[in-house]
Amino acid sequence: MNMSLKPQRVILLEAVRGLVAEARSARAQLPAVAAERRFLLGVEAAAMEVLHPELGAARREGWLDLEPPVFRDGYLQAGSMLAAAMTAPETPFRLLMPTYEEVG
């Protein structure tokens, strides 16, 4: 690994940890039946795969199709944002929470 990339990776991982903490905090403030909780679980799942790549590798093929649409939306929004952050020329210090939009 190129030594000049290490500080950027550390910064990115810290931003991902912040996203996980923010998703957990937001979820804790919602009623147990709120659909947004599932969205936030999806966000957290995508972020945790960056922190622990073995989680993604251990998932069965098609697992995401079995999740509720609101979970998938959070997972896919966060996954896209995280992929962009990992390939950005400048490492973000903070990652913004994806936006939940209630459908229907």
PDB file of N, CA and C in Angstrom:
ATOM      1  N   MET A   1       0.835  -1.184   0.000  1.00  0.00           N
ATOM      2  CA  MET A   1       0.000   0.000   0.000  1.00  0.00           C
ATOM      3  C   MET A   1       0.877   1.243   0.000  1.00  0.00           C
ATOM      4  N   ASN A   2       0.502   2.199  -0.788  1.00  0.00           N
ATOM      5  CA  ASN A   2       1.223   3.461  -0.860  1.00  0.00           C
ATOM      6  C   ASN A   2       1.075   4.207   0.470  1.00  0.00           C
ATOM      7  N   MET A   3       2.187   4.573   1.082  1.00  0.00           N
ATOM      8  CA  MET A   3       2.158   5.224   2.398  1.00  0.00           C
ATOM      9  C   MET A   3       1.401   6.548   2.373  1.00  0.00           C
ATOM     10  N   SER A   4       1.400   7.247   1.225  1.00  0.00           N
ATOM     11  CA  SER A   4       0.708   8.530   1.158  1.00  0.00           C
ATOM     12  C   SER A   4      -0.808   8.365   1.204  1.00  0.00           C
ATOM     13  N   LEU A   5      -1.322   7.145   0.959  1.00  0.00           N
ATOM     14  CA  LEU A   5      -2.761   6.914   0.997  1.00  0.00           C
ATOM     15  C   LEU A   5      -3.273   6.597   2.395  1.00  0.00           C
ATOM     16  N   LYS A   6      -2.421   6.211   3.292  1.00  0.00           N
ATOM     17  CA  LYS A   6      -2.854   5.821   4.628  1.00  0.00           C
ATOM     18  C   LYS A   6      -3.618   6.914   5.367  1.00  0.00           C
ATOM     19  N   PRO A   7      -3.137   8.154   5.414  1.00  0.00           N
ATOM     20  CA  PRO A   7      -3.903   9.185   6.142  1.00  0.00           C
ATOM     21  C   PRO A   7      -5.289   9.407   5.547  1.00  0.00           C
ATOM     22  N   GLN A   8      -5.425   9.346   4.219  1.00  0.00           N
ATOM     23  CA  GLN A   8      -6.724   9.527   3.593  1.00  0.00           C
ATOM     24  C   GLN A   8      -7.675   8.396   3.974  1.00  0.00           C
ATOM     25  N   ARG A   9      -7.160   7.185   4.019  1.00  0.00           N
ATOM     26  CA  ARG A   9      -7.982   6.027   4.398  1.00  0.00           C
ATOM     27  C   ARG A   9      -8.457   6.166   5.839  1.00  0.00           C
ATOM     28  N   VAL A  10      -7.583   6.616   6.717  1.00  0.00           N
ATOM     29  CA  VAL A  10      -7.941   6.814   8.119  1.00  0.00           C
ATOM     30  C   VAL A  10      -9.030   7.882   8.232  1.00  0.00           C
ATOM     31  N   ILE A  11      -8.890   8.960   7.488  1.00  0.00           N
ATOM     32  CA  ILE A  11      -9.888  10.036   7.498  1.00  0.00           C
ATOM     33  C   ILE A  11     -11.229   9.513   6.996  1.00  0.00           C
ATOM     34  N   LEU A  12     -11.218   8.753   5.908  1.00  0.00           N
ATOM     35  CA  LEU A  12     -12.450   8.208   5.358  1.00  0.00           C
ATOM     36  C   LEU A  12     -13.122   7.255   6.338  1.00  0.00           C
ATOM     37  N   LEU A  13     -12.357   6.374   6.948  1.00  0.00           N
ATOM     38  CA  LEU A  13     -12.938   5.425   7.900  1.00  0.00           C
ATOM     39  C   LEU A  13     -13.550   6.148   9.096  1.00  0.00           C
ATOM     40  N   GLU A  14     -12.949   7.229   9.514  1.00  0.00           N
ATOM     41  CA  GLU A  14     -13.505   8.020  10.616  1.00  0.00           C
ATOM     42  C   GLU A  14     -14.825   8.668  10.180  1.00  0.00           C
ATOM     43  N   ALA A  15     -14.894   9.130   8.938  1.00  0.00           N
ATOM     44  CA  ALA A  15     -16.137   9.701   8.411  1.00  0.00           C
ATOM     45  C   ALA A  15     -17.230   8.630   8.325  1.00  0.00           C
ATOM     46  N   VAL A  16     -16.864   7.419   7.950  1.00  0.00           N
ATOM     47  CA  VAL A  16     -17.825   6.313   7.878  1.00  0.00           C
ATOM     48  C   VAL A  16     -18.317   5.962   9.279  1.00  0.00           C
ATOM     49  N   ARG A  17     -17.422   5.940  10.246  1.00  0.00           N
ATOM     50  CA  ARG A  17     -17.841   5.689  11.634  1.00  0.00           C
ATOM     51  C   ARG A  17     -18.821   6.757  12.107  1.00  0.00           C
ATOM     52  N   GLY A  18     -18.571   7.991  11.707  1.00  0.00           N
ATOM     53  CA  GLY A  18     -19.486   9.076  12.051  1.00  0.00           C
ATOM     54  C   GLY A  18     -20.863   8.873  11.431  1.00  0.00           C
ATOM     55  N   LEU A  19     -20.904   8.376  10.205  1.00  0.00           N
ATOM     56  CA  LEU A  19     -22.175   8.093   9.539  1.00  0.00           C
ATOM     57  C   LEU A  19     -22.932   6.991  10.278  1.00  0.00           C
ATOM     58  N   VAL A  20     -22.229   5.950  10.694  1.00  0.00           N
ATOM     59  CA  VAL A  20     -22.852   4.860  11.456  1.00  0.00           C
ATOM     60  C   VAL A  20     -23.433   5.414  12.755  1.00  0.00           C
ATOM     61  N   ALA A  21     -22.658   6.216  13.465  1.00  0.00           N
ATOM     62  CA  ALA A  21     -23.125   6.788  14.735  1.00  0.00           C
ATOM     63  C   ALA A  21     -24.342   7.683  14.523  1.00  0.00           C
ATOM     64  N   GLU A  22     -24.316   8.468  13.454  1.00  0.00           N
ATOM     65  CA  GLU A  22     -25.440   9.357  13.162  1.00  0.00           C
ATOM     66  C   GLU A  22     -26.698   8.552  12.822  1.00  0.00           C
ATOM     67  N   ALA A  23     -26.553   7.485  12.051  1.00  0.00           N
ATOM     68  CA  ALA A  23     -27.699   6.635  11.708  1.00  0.00           C
ATOM     69  C   ALA A  23     -28.272   5.972  12.955  1.00  0.00           C
ATOM     70  N   ARG A  24     -27.414   5.491  13.823  1.00  0.00           N
ATOM     71  CA  ARG A  24     -27.883   4.847  15.061  1.00  0.00           C
ATOM     72  C   ARG A  24     -28.588   5.847  15.968  1.00  0.00           C
ATOM     73  N   SER A  25     -28.040   7.033  16.084  1.00  0.00           N
ATOM     74  CA  SER A  25     -28.636   8.071  16.927  1.00  0.00           C
ATOM     75  C   SER A  25     -30.012   8.484  16.390  1.00  0.00           C
ATOM     76  N   ALA A  26     -30.093   8.690  15.085  1.00  0.00           N
ATOM     77  CA  ALA A  26     -31.369   9.081  14.470  1.00  0.00           C
ATOM     78  C   ALA A  26     -32.403   7.969  14.645  1.00  0.00           C
ATOM     79  N   ARG A  27     -31.979   6.733  14.477  1.00  0.00           N
ATOM     80  CA  ARG A  27     -32.886   5.595  14.623  1.00  0.00           C
ATOM     81  C   ARG A  27     -33.409   5.480  16.049  1.00  0.00           C
ATOM     82  N   ALA A  28     -32.567   5.762  17.012  1.00  0.00           N
ATOM     83  CA  ALA A  28     -32.967   5.660  18.421  1.00  0.00           C
ATOM     84  C   ALA A  28     -34.039   6.684  18.786  1.00  0.00           C
ATOM     85  N   GLN A  29     -34.129   7.760  18.034  1.00  0.00           N
ATOM     86  CA  GLN A  29     -35.094   8.810  18.330  1.00  0.00           C
ATOM     87  C   GLN A  29     -36.447   8.582  17.653  1.00  0.00           C
ATOM     88  N   LEU A  30     -36.552   7.551  16.845  1.00  0.00           N
ATOM     89  CA  LEU A  30     -37.785   7.293  16.098  1.00  0.00           C
ATOM     90  C   LEU A  30     -38.642   6.234  16.787  1.00  0.00           C
ATOM     91  N   PRO A  31     -39.951   6.302  16.574  1.00  0.00           N
ATOM     92  CA  PRO A  31     -40.819   5.233  17.100  1.00  0.00           C
ATOM     93  C   PRO A  31     -40.439   3.893  16.482  1.00  0.00           C
ATOM     94  N   ALA A  32     -40.651   2.828  17.206  1.00  0.00           N
ATOM     95  CA  ALA A  32     -40.258   1.488  16.753  1.00  0.00           C
ATOM     96  C   ALA A  32     -40.906   1.092  15.433  1.00  0.00           C
ATOM     97  N   VAL A  33     -42.062   1.637  15.120  1.00  0.00           N
ATOM     98  CA  VAL A  33     -42.776   1.245  13.900  1.00  0.00           C
ATOM     99  C   VAL A  33     -42.490   2.173  12.715  1.00  0.00           C
ATOM    100  N   ALA A  34     -41.662   3.174  12.899  1.00  0.00           N
ATOM    101  CA  ALA A  34     -41.385   4.143  11.834  1.00  0.00           C
ATOM    102  C   ALA A  34     -40.615   3.491  10.688  1.00  0.00           C
ATOM    103  N   ALA A  35     -41.079   3.725   9.467  1.00  0.00           N
ATOM    104  CA  ALA A  35     -40.414   3.176   8.280  1.00  0.00           C
ATOM    105  C   ALA A  35     -38.996   3.722   8.144  1.00  0.00           C
ATOM    106  N   GLU A  36     -38.786   4.929   8.607  1.00  0.00           N
ATOM    107  CA  GLU A  36     -37.454   5.539   8.495  1.00  0.00           C
ATOM    108  C   GLU A  36     -36.398   4.730   9.250  1.00  0.00           C
ATOM    109  N   ARG A  37     -36.830   3.984  10.263  1.00  0.00           N
ATOM    110  CA  ARG A  37     -35.876   3.127  10.992  1.00  0.00           C
ATOM    111  C   ARG A  37     -35.248   2.110  10.048  1.00  0.00           C
ATOM    112  N   ARG A  38     -36.050   1.524   9.167  1.00  0.00           N
ATOM    113  CA  ARG A  38     -35.541   0.548   8.192  1.00  0.00           C
ATOM    114  C   ARG A  38     -34.569   1.216   7.220  1.00  0.00           C
ATOM    115  N   PHE A  39     -34.905   2.433   6.805  1.00  0.00           N
ATOM    116  CA  PHE A  39     -34.026   3.196   5.920  1.00  0.00           C
ATOM    117  C   PHE A  39     -32.666   3.378   6.586  1.00  0.00           C
ATOM    118  N   LEU A  40     -32.680   3.788   7.848  1.00  0.00           N
ATOM    119  CA  LEU A  40     -31.439   4.022   8.583  1.00  0.00           C
ATOM    120  C   LEU A  40     -30.658   2.726   8.799  1.00  0.00           C
ATOM    121  N   LEU A  41     -31.368   1.617   8.962  1.00  0.00           N
ATOM    122  CA  LEU A  41     -30.681   0.322   9.057  1.00  0.00           C
ATOM    123  C   LEU A  41     -29.952   0.007   7.745  1.00  0.00           C
ATOM    124  N   GLY A  42     -30.563   0.365   6.636  1.00  0.00           N
ATOM    125  CA  GLY A  42     -29.911   0.173   5.340  1.00  0.00           C
ATOM    126  C   GLY A  42     -28.669   1.024   5.200  1.00  0.00           C
ATOM    127  N   VAL A  43     -28.763   2.277   5.636  1.00  0.00           N
ATOM    128  CA  VAL A  43     -27.601   3.180   5.620  1.00  0.00           C
ATOM    129  C   VAL A  43     -26.481   2.581   6.466  1.00  0.00           C
ATOM    130  N   GLU A  44     -26.842   2.150   7.657  1.00  0.00           N
ATOM    131  CA  GLU A  44     -25.845   1.572   8.565  1.00  0.00           C
ATOM    132  C   GLU A  44     -25.221   0.306   7.977  1.00  0.00           C
ATOM    133  N   ALA A  45     -26.030  -0.536   7.343  1.00  0.00           N
ATOM    134  CA  ALA A  45     -25.504  -1.778   6.751  1.00  0.00           C
ATOM    135  C   ALA A  45     -24.468  -1.470   5.675  1.00  0.00           C
ATOM    136  N   ALA A  46     -24.751  -0.491   4.828  1.00  0.00           N
ATOM    137  CA  ALA A  46     -23.794  -0.131   3.771  1.00  0.00           C
ATOM    138  C   ALA A  46     -22.502   0.413   4.374  1.00  0.00           C
ATOM    139  N   ALA A  47     -22.630   1.246   5.387  1.00  0.00           N
ATOM    140  CA  ALA A  47     -21.440   1.823   6.025  1.00  0.00           C
ATOM    141  C   ALA A  47     -20.622   0.745   6.749  1.00  0.00           C
ATOM    142  N   MET A  48     -21.301  -0.172   7.390  1.00  0.00           N
ATOM    143  CA  MET A  48     -20.588  -1.237   8.105  1.00  0.00           C
ATOM    144  C   MET A  48     -19.800  -2.119   7.145  1.00  0.00           C
ATOM    145  N   GLU A  49     -20.274  -2.259   5.909  1.00  0.00           N
ATOM    146  CA  GLU A  49     -19.529  -3.050   4.925  1.00  0.00           C
ATOM    147  C   GLU A  49     -18.225  -2.364   4.526  1.00  0.00           C
ATOM    148  N   VAL A  50     -18.176  -1.051   4.620  1.00  0.00           N
ATOM    149  CA  VAL A  50     -16.914  -0.346   4.352  1.00  0.00           C
ATOM    150  C   VAL A  50     -15.952  -0.595   5.509  1.00  0.00           C
ATOM    151  N   LEU A  51     -16.477  -0.533   6.728  1.00  0.00           N
ATOM    152  CA  LEU A  51     -15.634  -0.754   7.909  1.00  0.00           C
ATOM    153  C   LEU A  51     -15.213  -2.216   8.047  1.00  0.00           C
ATOM    154  N   HIS A  52     -16.103  -3.108   7.645  1.00  0.00           N
ATOM    155  CA  HIS A  52     -15.864  -4.555   7.781  1.00  0.00           C
ATOM    156  C   HIS A  52     -16.231  -5.248   6.468  1.00  0.00           C
ATOM    157  N   PRO A  53     -15.347  -5.227   5.474  1.00  0.00           N
ATOM    158  CA  PRO A  53     -15.649  -5.796   4.156  1.00  0.00           C
ATOM    159  C   PRO A  53     -16.095  -7.261   4.198  1.00  0.00           C
ATOM    160  N   GLU A  54     -15.702  -7.973   5.231  1.00  0.00           N
ATOM    161  CA  GLU A  54     -16.089  -9.383   5.330  1.00  0.00           C
ATOM    162  C   GLU A  54     -17.603  -9.544   5.478  1.00  0.00           C
ATOM    163  N   LEU A  55     -18.292  -8.512   5.963  1.00  0.00           N
ATOM    164  CA  LEU A  55     -19.753  -8.581   6.084  1.00  0.00           C
ATOM    165  C   LEU A  55     -20.393  -8.703   4.711  1.00  0.00           C
ATOM    166  N   GLY A  56     -19.952  -7.890   3.781  1.00  0.00           N
ATOM    167  CA  GLY A  56     -20.492  -7.952   2.426  1.00  0.00           C
ATOM    168  C   GLY A  56     -20.164  -9.263   1.743  1.00  0.00           C
ATOM    169  N   ALA A  57     -18.955  -9.750   1.983  1.00  0.00           N
ATOM    170  CA  ALA A  57     -18.534 -11.008   1.360  1.00  0.00           C
ATOM    171  C   ALA A  57     -19.317 -12.197   1.899  1.00  0.00           C
ATOM    172  N   ALA A  58     -19.807 -12.083   3.134  1.00  0.00           N
ATOM    173  CA  ALA A  58     -20.511 -13.203   3.764  1.00  0.00           C
ATOM    174  C   ALA A  58     -21.995 -13.245   3.396  1.00  0.00           C
ATOM    175  N   ARG A  59     -22.507 -12.192   2.782  1.00  0.00           N
ATOM    176  CA  ARG A  59     -23.941 -12.143   2.449  1.00  0.00           C
ATOM    177  C   ARG A  59     -24.237 -13.050   1.246  1.00  0.00           C
ATOM    178  N   ARG A  60     -25.393 -13.703   1.324  1.00  0.00           N
ATOM    179  CA  ARG A  60     -25.823 -14.564   0.216  1.00  0.00           C
ATOM    180  C   ARG A  60     -26.194 -13.711  -0.993  1.00  0.00           C
ATOM    181  N   GLU A  61     -26.035 -14.272  -2.155  1.00  0.00           N
ATOM    182  CA  GLU A  61     -26.450 -13.590  -3.380  1.00  0.00           C
ATOM    183  C   GLU A  61     -27.959 -13.348  -3.307  1.00  0.00           C
ATOM    184  N   GLY A  62     -28.376 -12.168  -3.669  1.00  0.00           N
ATOM    185  CA  GLY A  62     -29.793 -11.831  -3.665  1.00  0.00           C
ATOM    186  C   GLY A  62     -30.357 -11.426  -2.319  1.00  0.00           C
ATOM    187  N   TRP A  63     -29.484 -11.314  -1.302  1.00  0.00           N
ATOM    188  CA  TRP A  63     -29.980 -10.975   0.038  1.00  0.00           C
ATOM    189  C   TRP A  63     -30.727  -9.643   0.055  1.00  0.00           C
ATOM    190  N   LEU A  64     -30.263  -8.679  -0.721  1.00  0.00           N
ATOM    191  CA  LEU A  64     -30.864  -7.347  -0.685  1.00  0.00           C
ATOM    192  C   LEU A  64     -32.301  -7.377  -1.218  1.00  0.00           C
ATOM    193  N   ASP A  65     -32.578  -8.265  -2.149  1.00  0.00           N
ATOM    194  CA  ASP A  65     -33.930  -8.396  -2.694  1.00  0.00           C
ATOM    195  C   ASP A  65     -34.930  -8.861  -1.640  1.00  0.00           C
ATOM    196  N   LEU A  66     -34.442  -9.487  -0.599  1.00  0.00           N
ATOM    197  CA  LEU A  66     -35.314  -9.988   0.466  1.00  0.00           C
ATOM    198  C   LEU A  66     -35.627  -8.924   1.520  1.00  0.00           C
ATOM    199  N   GLU A  67     -34.925  -7.812   1.458  1.00  0.00           N
ATOM    200  CA  GLU A  67     -35.136  -6.732   2.421  1.00  0.00           C
ATOM    201  C   GLU A  67     -36.286  -5.831   1.963  1.00  0.00           C
ATOM    202  N   PRO A  68     -36.930  -5.129   2.903  1.00  0.00           N
ATOM    203  CA  PRO A  68     -38.002  -4.195   2.534  1.00  0.00           C
ATOM    204  C   PRO A  68     -37.466  -3.078   1.627  1.00  0.00           C
ATOM    205  N   PRO A  69     -38.311  -2.546   0.744  1.00  0.00           N
ATOM    206  CA  PRO A  69     -37.871  -1.488  -0.175  1.00  0.00           C
ATOM    207  C   PRO A  69     -37.231  -0.288   0.529  1.00  0.00           C
ATOM    208  N   VAL A  70     -37.729   0.088   1.672  1.00  0.00           N
ATOM    209  CA  VAL A  70     -37.172   1.255   2.362  1.00  0.00           C
ATOM    210  C   VAL A  70     -35.746   0.970   2.860  1.00  0.00           C
ATOM    211  N   PHE A  71     -35.475  -0.260   3.287  1.00  0.00           N
ATOM    212  CA  PHE A  71     -34.118  -0.668   3.670  1.00  0.00           C
ATOM    213  C   PHE A  71     -33.209  -0.601   2.447  1.00  0.00           C
ATOM    214  N   ARG A  72     -33.672  -1.175   1.338  1.00  0.00           N
ATOM    215  CA  ARG A  72     -32.880  -1.170   0.101  1.00  0.00           C
ATOM    216  C   ARG A  72     -32.538   0.251  -0.331  1.00  0.00           C
ATOM    217  N   ASP A  73     -33.512   1.139  -0.208  1.00  0.00           N
ATOM    218  CA  ASP A  73     -33.279   2.532  -0.588  1.00  0.00           C
ATOM    219  C   ASP A  73     -32.154   3.138   0.249  1.00  0.00           C
ATOM    220  N   GLY A  74     -32.195   2.949   1.556  1.00  0.00           N
ATOM    221  CA  GLY A  74     -31.138   3.465   2.426  1.00  0.00           C
ATOM    222  C   GLY A  74     -29.790   2.844   2.110  1.00  0.00           C
ATOM    223  N   TYR A  75     -29.795   1.529   1.893  1.00  0.00           N
ATOM    224  CA  TYR A  75     -28.562   0.806   1.592  1.00  0.00           C
ATOM    225  C   TYR A  75     -27.955   1.291   0.277  1.00  0.00           C
ATOM    226  N   LEU A  76     -28.800   1.428  -0.750  1.00  0.00           N
ATOM    227  CA  LEU A  76     -28.296   1.821  -2.065  1.00  0.00           C
ATOM    228  C   LEU A  76     -27.871   3.286  -2.103  1.00  0.00           C
ATOM    229  N   GLN A  77     -28.619   4.154  -1.441  1.00  0.00           N
ATOM    230  CA  GLN A  77     -28.209   5.561  -1.380  1.00  0.00           C
ATOM    231  C   GLN A  77     -26.863   5.694  -0.674  1.00  0.00           C
ATOM    232  N   ALA A  78     -26.744   5.036   0.473  1.00  0.00           N
ATOM    233  CA  ALA A  78     -25.491   5.110   1.229  1.00  0.00           C
ATOM    234  C   ALA A  78     -24.352   4.456   0.449  1.00  0.00           C
ATOM    235  N   GLY A  79     -24.625   3.324  -0.183  1.00  0.00           N
ATOM    236  CA  GLY A  79     -23.591   2.641  -0.957  1.00  0.00           C
ATOM    237  C   GLY A  79     -23.052   3.498  -2.078  1.00  0.00           C
ATOM    238  N   SER A  80     -23.942   4.189  -2.777  1.00  0.00           N
ATOM    239  CA  SER A  80     -23.502   5.088  -3.859  1.00  0.00           C
ATOM    240  C   SER A  80     -22.655   6.227  -3.316  1.00  0.00           C
ATOM    241  N   MET A  81     -23.118   6.807  -2.208  1.00  0.00           N
ATOM    242  CA  MET A  81     -22.381   7.911  -1.595  1.00  0.00           C
ATOM    243  C   MET A  81     -21.000   7.445  -1.116  1.00  0.00           C
ATOM    244  N   LEU A  82     -20.949   6.267  -0.520  1.00  0.00           N
ATOM    245  CA  LEU A  82     -19.683   5.747  -0.008  1.00  0.00           C
ATOM    246  C   LEU A  82     -18.723   5.410  -1.149  1.00  0.00           C
ATOM    247  N   ALA A  83     -19.234   4.856  -2.230  1.00  0.00           N
ATOM    248  CA  ALA A  83     -18.385   4.559  -3.395  1.00  0.00           C
ATOM    249  C   ALA A  83     -17.787   5.844  -3.954  1.00  0.00           C
ATOM    250  N   ALA A  84     -18.611   6.890  -4.031  1.00  0.00           N
ATOM    251  CA  ALA A  84     -18.117   8.184  -4.519  1.00  0.00           C
ATOM    252  C   ALA A  84     -17.061   8.747  -3.576  1.00  0.00           C
ATOM    253  N   ALA A  85     -17.286   8.618  -2.274  1.00  0.00           N
ATOM    254  CA  ALA A  85     -16.327   9.136  -1.294  1.00  0.00           C
ATOM    255  C   ALA A  85     -14.992   8.387  -1.367  1.00  0.00           C
ATOM    256  N   MET A  86     -15.058   7.086  -1.617  1.00  0.00           N
ATOM    257  CA  MET A  86     -13.834   6.282  -1.663  1.00  0.00           C
ATOM    258  C   MET A  86     -12.999   6.549  -2.907  1.00  0.00           C
ATOM    259  N   THR A  87     -13.628   7.087  -3.931  1.00  0.00           N
ATOM    260  CA  THR A  87     -12.892   7.354  -5.165  1.00  0.00           C
ATOM    261  C   THR A  87     -12.689   8.848  -5.412  1.00  0.00           C
ATOM    262  N   ALA A  88     -13.152   9.680  -4.501  1.00  0.00           N
ATOM    263  CA  ALA A  88     -13.030  11.135  -4.662  1.00  0.00           C
ATOM    264  C   ALA A  88     -11.575  11.564  -4.606  1.00  0.00           C
ATOM    265  N   PRO A  89     -11.208  12.594  -5.362  1.00  0.00           N
ATOM    266  CA  PRO A  89      -9.829  13.095  -5.307  1.00  0.00           C
ATOM    267  C   PRO A  89      -9.456  13.644  -3.931  1.00  0.00           C
ATOM    268  N   GLU A  90     -10.450  14.213  -3.240  1.00  0.00           N
ATOM    269  CA  GLU A  90     -10.216  14.718  -1.876  1.00  0.00           C
ATOM    270  C   GLU A  90     -11.082  13.935  -0.910  1.00  0.00           C
ATOM    271  N   THR A  91     -10.484  13.431   0.134  1.00  0.00           N
ATOM    272  CA  THR A  91     -11.185  12.618   1.112  1.00  0.00           C
ATOM    273  C   THR A  91     -12.126  13.484   1.948  1.00  0.00           C
ATOM    274  N   PRO A  92     -13.404  13.095   2.044  1.00  0.00           N
ATOM    275  CA  PRO A  92     -14.327  13.876   2.879  1.00  0.00           C
ATOM    276  C   PRO A  92     -14.063  13.633   4.366  1.00  0.00           C
ATOM    277  N   PHE A  93     -14.189  14.692   5.146  1.00  0.00           N
ATOM    278  CA  PHE A  93     -14.029  14.571   6.596  1.00  0.00           C
ATOM    279  C   PHE A  93     -15.333  14.141   7.256  1.00  0.00           C
ATOM    280  N   ARG A  94     -16.445  14.381   6.554  1.00  0.00           N
ATOM    281  CA  ARG A  94     -17.764  14.045   7.084  1.00  0.00           C
ATOM    282  C   ARG A  94     -18.638  13.584   5.920  1.00  0.00           C
ATOM    283  N   LEU A  95     -19.457  12.594   6.190  1.00  0.00           N
ATOM    284  CA  LEU A  95     -20.391  12.093   5.194  1.00  0.00           C
ATOM    285  C   LEU A  95     -21.803  12.483   5.615  1.00  0.00           C
ATOM    286  N   LEU A  96     -22.559  13.048   4.700  1.00  0.00           N
ATOM    287  CA  LEU A  96     -23.924  13.464   5.003  1.00  0.00           C
ATOM    288  C   LEU A  96     -24.864  12.276   4.967  1.00  0.00           C
ATOM    289  N   MET A  97     -25.829  12.296   5.864  1.00  0.00           N
ATOM    290  CA  MET A  97     -26.827  11.233   5.914  1.00  0.00           C
ATOM    291  C   MET A  97     -27.673  11.278   4.643  1.00  0.00           C
ATOM    292  N   PRO A  98     -27.842  10.138   3.965  1.00  0.00           N
ATOM    293  CA  PRO A  98     -28.755  10.118   2.819  1.00  0.00           C
ATOM    294  C   PRO A  98     -30.156  10.546   3.248  1.00  0.00           C
ATOM    295  N   THR A  99     -30.931  11.039   2.303  1.00  0.00           N
ATOM    296  CA  THR A  99     -32.250  11.580   2.593  1.00  0.00           C
ATOM    297  C   THR A  99     -33.333  10.518   2.471  1.00  0.00           C
ATOM    298  N   TYR A 100     -34.106  10.408   3.532  1.00  0.00           N
ATOM    299  CA  TYR A 100     -35.252   9.494   3.544  1.00  0.00           C
ATOM    300  C   TYR A 100     -36.454  10.236   2.957  1.00  0.00           C
ATOM    301  N   GLU A 101     -37.094   9.607   1.995  1.00  0.00           N
ATOM    302  CA  GLU A 101     -38.315  10.167   1.422  1.00  0.00           C
ATOM    303  C   GLU A 101     -39.408   9.124   1.508  1.00  0.00           C
ATOM    304  N   GLU A 102     -40.451   9.460   2.244  1.00  0.00           N
ATOM    305  CA  GLU A 102     -41.568   8.537   2.400  1.00  0.00           C
ATOM    306  C   GLU A 102     -42.319   8.431   1.083  1.00  0.00           C
ATOM    307  N   VAL A 103     -42.597   7.208   0.682  1.00  0.00           N
ATOM    308  CA  VAL A 103     -43.308   6.969  -0.568  1.00  0.00           C
ATOM    309  C   VAL A 103     -44.770   6.679  -0.236  1.00  0.00           C
ATOM    310  N   GLY A 104     -45.645   7.249  -1.049  1.00  0.00           N
ATOM    311  CA  GLY A 104     -47.069   6.953  -0.883  1.00  0.00           C
ATOM    312  C   GLY A 104     -47.714   7.984  -0.117  1.00  0.00           C
TER     313      GLY A 104
END
